């Protein structure tokens, strides 16, 4: 057997159904996947799923919460799910996922263990990290790609979607109001909004997560751009989630489950 012994959640265990990769041979996305698992668990708890299934795993869940506290509010030089871009040091969107993940852990221990003392401790940490995040990433009319880059950088802050979907109310509403206003006034093209300032491509799923956090008019505006891409592209393929915003061409990927992000707004209703 292969024993997993790292302090964060795994991303890449092997080829199904055999999980045969040694931990240090796996593609590592520590903050990304640790945040992901805590967000999923908290969403299930908020949805009313019986938490007894977690009883044997609380020490592991706690270790994941502690990992995020230890490495944030600055995640260092890590891969995020957009791994085709390579590592992005001090990535603001990745940091946001981890910070929301800490708040998700706080919510989880409240709902799953009725532990208000631990809930308050980790909620306070998450709130303090939010303020550091704002200070590190603000660029006036938007928020930067990385803490250490200039105000001319930006990225889609799609990871804040789970703050809304779970109902954590962690980040000030003004953060995404500012971001979405900036995307639509400064960065949109006929077929979408760039993933960030580095390339002229975008991710369909992340656009729709962003749309789900906007007003009804903003949701319609972004959805119309995504529809225009799908309706205009000359590439014949099962729907891609990775495309060019200037000519509606496929950049890679097709028929991946992530296109379910089209329905992200349903989680906010």
Protein backbone atom coordinates (compact mmCIF):
# COMPACT_ATOMS: atom_id res chain seq x y z
CA UNK A 1 0.00 0.00 0.00
CA UNK A 2 0.95 3.63 -0.51
CA UNK A 3 0.63 5.71 2.65
CA UNK A 4 -0.20 9.41 2.28
CA UNK A 5 1.80 11.35 4.87
CA UNK A 6 1.68 15.00 3.81
CA UNK A 7 0.01 17.69 5.90
CA UNK A 8 -2.25 18.92 3.10
CA UNK A 9 -4.98 17.32 1.03
CA UNK A 10 -3.81 15.33 -2.01
CA UNK A 11 -4.50 16.42 -5.55
CA UNK A 12 -3.16 13.55 -7.63
CA UNK A 13 -3.25 10.01 -6.21
CA UNK A 14 -2.72 7.99 -9.38
CA UNK A 15 -4.83 6.44 -12.14
CA UNK A 16 -8.26 5.25 -11.02
CA UNK A 17 -8.95 2.79 -9.48
CA UNK A 18 -5.37 2.28 -8.28
CA UNK A 19 -4.07 5.07 -6.03
CA UNK A 20 -0.43 4.09 -6.50
CA UNK A 21 1.57 7.32 -6.57
CA UNK A 22 3.92 8.01 -3.71
CA UNK A 23 3.09 11.36 -2.06
CA UNK A 24 6.18 13.21 -3.30
CA UNK A 25 5.58 12.03 -6.89
CA UNK A 26 2.14 13.62 -7.05
CA UNK A 27 1.32 17.01 -8.54
CA UNK A 28 1.03 19.21 -5.45
CA UNK A 29 -1.64 21.87 -4.93
CA UNK A 30 -1.59 22.22 -1.13
CA UNK A 31 -3.73 25.32 -0.49
CA UNK A 32 -5.95 24.61 -3.50
CA UNK A 33 -7.01 21.12 -2.49
CA UNK A 34 -7.02 21.65 1.26
CA UNK A 35 -9.32 24.60 0.75
CA UNK A 36 -11.46 22.55 -1.62
CA UNK A 37 -12.10 19.69 0.79
CA UNK A 38 -13.01 21.99 3.68
CA UNK A 39 -15.36 23.99 1.44
CA UNK A 40 -17.13 20.82 0.29
CA UNK A 41 -17.47 19.50 3.84
CA UNK A 42 -18.84 22.82 5.10
CA UNK A 43 -21.30 23.06 2.21
CA UNK A 44 -22.60 19.57 3.02
CA UNK A 45 -22.97 20.53 6.68
CA UNK A 46 -24.88 23.70 5.79
CA UNK A 47 -27.09 21.62 3.48
CA UNK A 48 -28.14 19.51 6.49
CA UNK A 49 -26.17 16.33 5.79
CA UNK A 50 -25.79 14.21 8.95
CA UNK A 51 -22.26 14.83 10.23
CA UNK A 52 -21.80 11.49 11.96
CA UNK A 53 -19.86 10.20 8.95
CA UNK A 54 -17.02 12.57 9.89
CA UNK A 55 -16.56 11.16 13.40
CA UNK A 56 -13.48 9.03 12.61
CA UNK A 57 -11.89 11.80 10.57
CA UNK A 58 -11.99 14.87 12.82
CA UNK A 59 -8.24 14.73 13.63
CA UNK A 60 -7.50 14.77 9.89
CA UNK A 61 -9.98 17.56 9.20
CA UNK A 62 -8.45 19.57 12.04
CA UNK A 63 -4.96 19.03 10.59
CA UNK A 64 -6.16 20.46 7.28
CA UNK A 65 -7.57 23.52 9.02
CA UNK A 66 -4.29 23.98 10.86
CA UNK A 67 -2.34 23.67 7.61
CA UNK A 68 -4.22 26.58 6.07
CA UNK A 69 -3.71 28.72 9.15
CA UNK A 70 0.03 27.99 9.06
CA UNK A 71 0.66 28.87 5.40
CA UNK A 72 -1.68 31.84 5.01
CA UNK A 73 -2.45 34.68 4.44
CA UNK A 74 0.41 34.45 1.89
CA UNK A 75 0.43 31.02 0.21
CA UNK A 76 3.96 31.36 -1.10
CA UNK A 77 4.96 29.76 -4.42
CA UNK A 78 2.34 27.08 -5.15
CA UNK A 79 0.37 25.70 -8.04
CA UNK A 80 -3.31 26.46 -8.16
CA UNK A 81 -5.96 24.67 -10.21
CA UNK A 82 -4.98 26.79 -13.23
CA UNK A 83 -1.77 24.78 -13.37
CA UNK A 84 -1.32 25.44 -17.09
CA UNK A 85 -0.12 28.89 -15.98
CA UNK A 86 2.56 27.40 -13.72
CA UNK A 87 3.16 28.39 -10.09
CA UNK A 88 2.05 31.88 -9.13
CA UNK A 89 3.83 33.17 -6.01
CA UNK A 90 1.70 35.14 -3.55
CA UNK A 91 -1.42 34.45 -5.66
CA UNK A 92 -4.33 36.55 -4.37
CA UNK A 93 -7.08 34.27 -5.69
CA UNK A 94 -5.42 31.17 -4.24
CA UNK A 95 -5.00 32.95 -0.91
CA UNK A 96 -8.70 33.82 -0.99
CA UNK A 97 -9.62 30.14 -1.36
CA UNK A 98 -7.51 29.19 1.63
CA UNK A 99 -8.87 32.00 3.79
CA UNK A 100 -12.46 31.06 2.95
CA UNK A 101 -11.41 27.46 3.68
CA UNK A 102 -10.43 28.44 7.22
CA UNK A 103 -13.85 30.03 7.72
CA UNK A 104 -15.40 26.87 6.28
CA UNK A 105 -13.53 24.81 8.87
CA UNK A 106 -14.88 27.10 11.60
CA UNK A 107 -18.41 26.58 10.27
CA UNK A 108 -17.85 22.84 10.08
CA UNK A 109 -16.83 22.44 13.72
CA UNK A 110 -19.82 24.55 14.77
CA UNK A 111 -22.31 22.48 12.82
CA UNK A 112 -20.63 19.08 13.10
CA UNK A 113 -19.34 19.19 16.68
CA UNK A 114 -21.25 22.05 18.30
CA UNK A 115 -17.84 23.43 19.27
CA UNK A 116 -18.37 27.18 19.45
CA UNK A 117 -15.00 27.86 21.09
CA UNK A 118 -13.06 26.35 18.18
CA UNK A 119 -15.47 27.92 15.70
CA UNK A 120 -14.86 31.39 17.13
CA UNK A 121 -11.07 30.88 17.17
CA UNK A 122 -10.82 29.95 13.51
CA UNK A 123 -13.43 32.45 12.39
CA UNK A 124 -11.39 35.21 14.04
CA UNK A 125 -8.24 34.00 12.25
CA UNK A 126 -10.05 34.01 8.91
CA UNK A 127 -11.39 37.52 9.51
CA UNK A 128 -7.91 38.79 10.38
CA UNK A 129 -6.49 37.19 7.23
CA UNK A 130 -9.18 38.89 5.13
CA UNK A 131 -7.91 42.27 6.26
CA UNK A 132 -4.34 41.29 5.38
CA UNK A 133 -5.55 40.01 2.01
CA UNK A 134 -7.24 43.31 1.24
CA UNK A 135 -4.15 45.28 2.25
CA UNK A 136 -1.82 43.07 0.21
CA UNK A 137 -3.88 42.83 -2.97
CA UNK A 138 -5.77 46.11 -3.35
CA UNK A 139 -5.08 48.10 -6.51
CA UNK A 140 -7.63 50.86 -6.06
CA UNK A 141 -10.36 49.95 -8.52
CA UNK A 142 -9.64 46.20 -8.36
CA UNK A 143 -7.46 43.56 -6.69
CA UNK A 144 -4.12 42.31 -8.03
CA UNK A 145 -3.05 38.96 -9.46
CA UNK A 146 -0.31 38.56 -6.83
CA UNK A 147 0.49 40.45 -3.66
CA UNK A 148 3.94 41.40 -4.96
CA UNK A 149 2.93 42.64 -8.43
CA UNK A 150 1.83 46.05 -9.67
CA UNK A 151 -1.62 47.59 -9.83
CA UNK A 152 -1.81 46.86 -13.56
CA UNK A 153 -2.27 43.14 -12.82
CA UNK A 154 -5.60 41.42 -12.15
CA UNK A 155 -7.23 38.00 -12.05
CA UNK A 156 -10.71 36.56 -11.78
CA UNK A 157 -11.33 36.11 -8.05
CA UNK A 158 -13.62 33.15 -8.59
CA UNK A 159 -12.63 31.48 -5.31
CA UNK A 160 -14.76 33.96 -3.38
CA UNK A 161 -17.80 32.21 -4.84
CA UNK A 162 -17.84 29.73 -1.96
CA UNK A 163 -18.05 32.52 0.58
CA UNK A 164 -21.38 33.34 -1.08
CA UNK A 165 -22.54 29.77 -1.76
CA UNK A 166 -21.97 28.52 1.79
CA UNK A 167 -23.21 31.77 3.32
CA UNK A 168 -20.06 32.47 5.33
CA UNK A 169 -20.23 36.27 4.85
CA UNK A 170 -16.48 36.49 5.40
CA UNK A 171 -15.20 38.94 2.77
CA UNK A 172 -16.84 42.38 2.60
CA UNK A 173 -19.43 42.56 -0.19
CA UNK A 174 -17.53 45.53 -1.61
CA UNK A 175 -14.64 43.28 -2.67
CA UNK A 176 -16.56 41.42 -5.36
CA UNK A 177 -18.67 44.46 -6.21
CA UNK A 178 -15.40 46.27 -6.99
CA UNK A 179 -13.94 43.31 -8.87
CA UNK A 180 -16.94 42.57 -11.07
CA UNK A 181 -17.39 46.25 -11.85
CA UNK A 182 -13.75 46.38 -12.95
CA UNK A 183 -14.03 43.26 -15.11
CA UNK A 184 -17.06 44.56 -16.94
CA UNK A 185 -15.87 48.14 -17.37
CA UNK A 186 -12.20 47.51 -18.17
CA UNK A 187 -11.54 43.92 -19.23
CA UNK A 188 -14.44 42.31 -21.04
CA UNK A 189 -14.29 41.28 -24.69
CA UNK A 190 -17.01 40.06 -27.02
CA UNK A 191 -16.50 36.47 -25.90
CA UNK A 192 -15.62 36.84 -22.26
CA UNK A 193 -13.30 38.16 -19.57
CA UNK A 194 -9.62 37.08 -19.44
CA UNK A 195 -8.58 34.74 -16.67
CA UNK A 196 -5.90 37.26 -15.75
CA UNK A 197 -3.59 39.81 -17.34
CA UNK A 198 -1.02 37.28 -18.56
CA UNK A 199 -2.84 35.72 -21.52
CA UNK A 200 -5.84 36.30 -23.76
CA UNK A 201 -7.67 33.17 -22.70
CA UNK A 202 -10.29 32.46 -20.07
CA UNK A 203 -12.06 29.65 -18.25
CA UNK A 204 -15.78 29.25 -18.86
CA UNK A 205 -16.44 27.76 -15.43
CA UNK A 206 -14.70 30.55 -13.55
CA UNK A 207 -16.56 33.19 -15.57
CA UNK A 208 -19.85 31.65 -14.49
CA UNK A 209 -18.75 31.49 -10.85
CA UNK A 210 -18.02 35.21 -11.14
CA UNK A 211 -21.39 35.82 -12.78
CA UNK A 212 -23.14 34.04 -9.91
CA UNK A 213 -21.73 36.63 -7.47
CA UNK A 214 -22.92 39.63 -9.46
CA UNK A 215 -26.19 41.50 -9.81
CA UNK A 216 -28.84 40.15 -12.15
CA UNK A 217 -27.64 42.52 -14.88
CA UNK A 218 -24.02 41.49 -14.38
CA UNK A 219 -25.00 37.81 -14.42
CA UNK A 220 -26.82 38.35 -17.71
CA UNK A 221 -23.89 40.32 -19.18
CA UNK A 222 -21.32 37.63 -18.42
CA UNK A 223 -23.65 34.79 -19.44
CA UNK A 224 -24.30 36.52 -22.77
CA UNK A 225 -20.54 36.63 -23.44
CA UNK A 226 -20.16 32.93 -22.65
CA UNK A 227 -23.11 32.14 -24.91
CA UNK A 228 -21.61 34.27 -27.68
CA UNK A 229 -18.43 32.19 -27.47
CA UNK A 230 -20.28 28.85 -27.63
CA UNK A 231 -22.52 30.08 -30.45
CA UNK A 232 -19.73 31.65 -32.52
CA UNK A 233 -16.70 29.37 -32.19
CA UNK A 234 -15.68 27.62 -35.39
CA UNK A 235 -14.09 24.73 -33.48
CA UNK A 236 -16.28 21.65 -33.36
CA UNK A 237 -15.92 19.92 -30.01
CA UNK A 238 -17.80 19.00 -26.88
CA UNK A 239 -18.01 22.20 -24.81
CA UNK A 240 -14.61 23.40 -23.64
CA UNK A 241 -13.89 25.32 -20.46
CA UNK A 242 -10.67 26.92 -21.80
CA UNK A 243 -10.92 29.27 -24.77
CA UNK A 244 -9.58 32.45 -26.37
CA UNK A 245 -11.64 35.59 -25.81
CA UNK A 246 -10.54 37.39 -28.99
CA UNK A 247 -11.61 34.84 -31.61
CA UNK A 248 -13.72 32.30 -29.67
CA UNK A 249 -11.31 29.46 -30.47
CA UNK A 250 -10.73 26.45 -28.25
CA UNK A 251 -7.46 26.66 -26.32
CA UNK A 252 -7.61 23.16 -24.84
CA UNK A 253 -9.80 20.78 -22.81
CA UNK A 254 -13.21 19.50 -23.78
CA UNK A 255 -16.19 17.78 -22.18
CA UNK A 256 -14.78 18.17 -18.64
CA UNK A 257 -17.05 18.02 -15.57
CA UNK A 258 -16.00 21.55 -14.62
CA UNK A 259 -18.42 22.96 -17.22
CA UNK A 260 -21.00 22.30 -14.53
CA UNK A 261 -19.90 25.73 -13.32
CA UNK A 262 -22.52 27.04 -15.75
CA UNK A 263 -25.06 26.26 -13.03
CA UNK A 264 -23.12 27.85 -10.16
CA UNK A 265 -25.83 30.43 -9.59
CA UNK A 266 -28.24 27.67 -8.53
CA UNK A 267 -26.14 27.23 -5.37
CA UNK A 268 -26.80 30.83 -4.39
CA UNK A 269 -30.61 30.78 -4.74
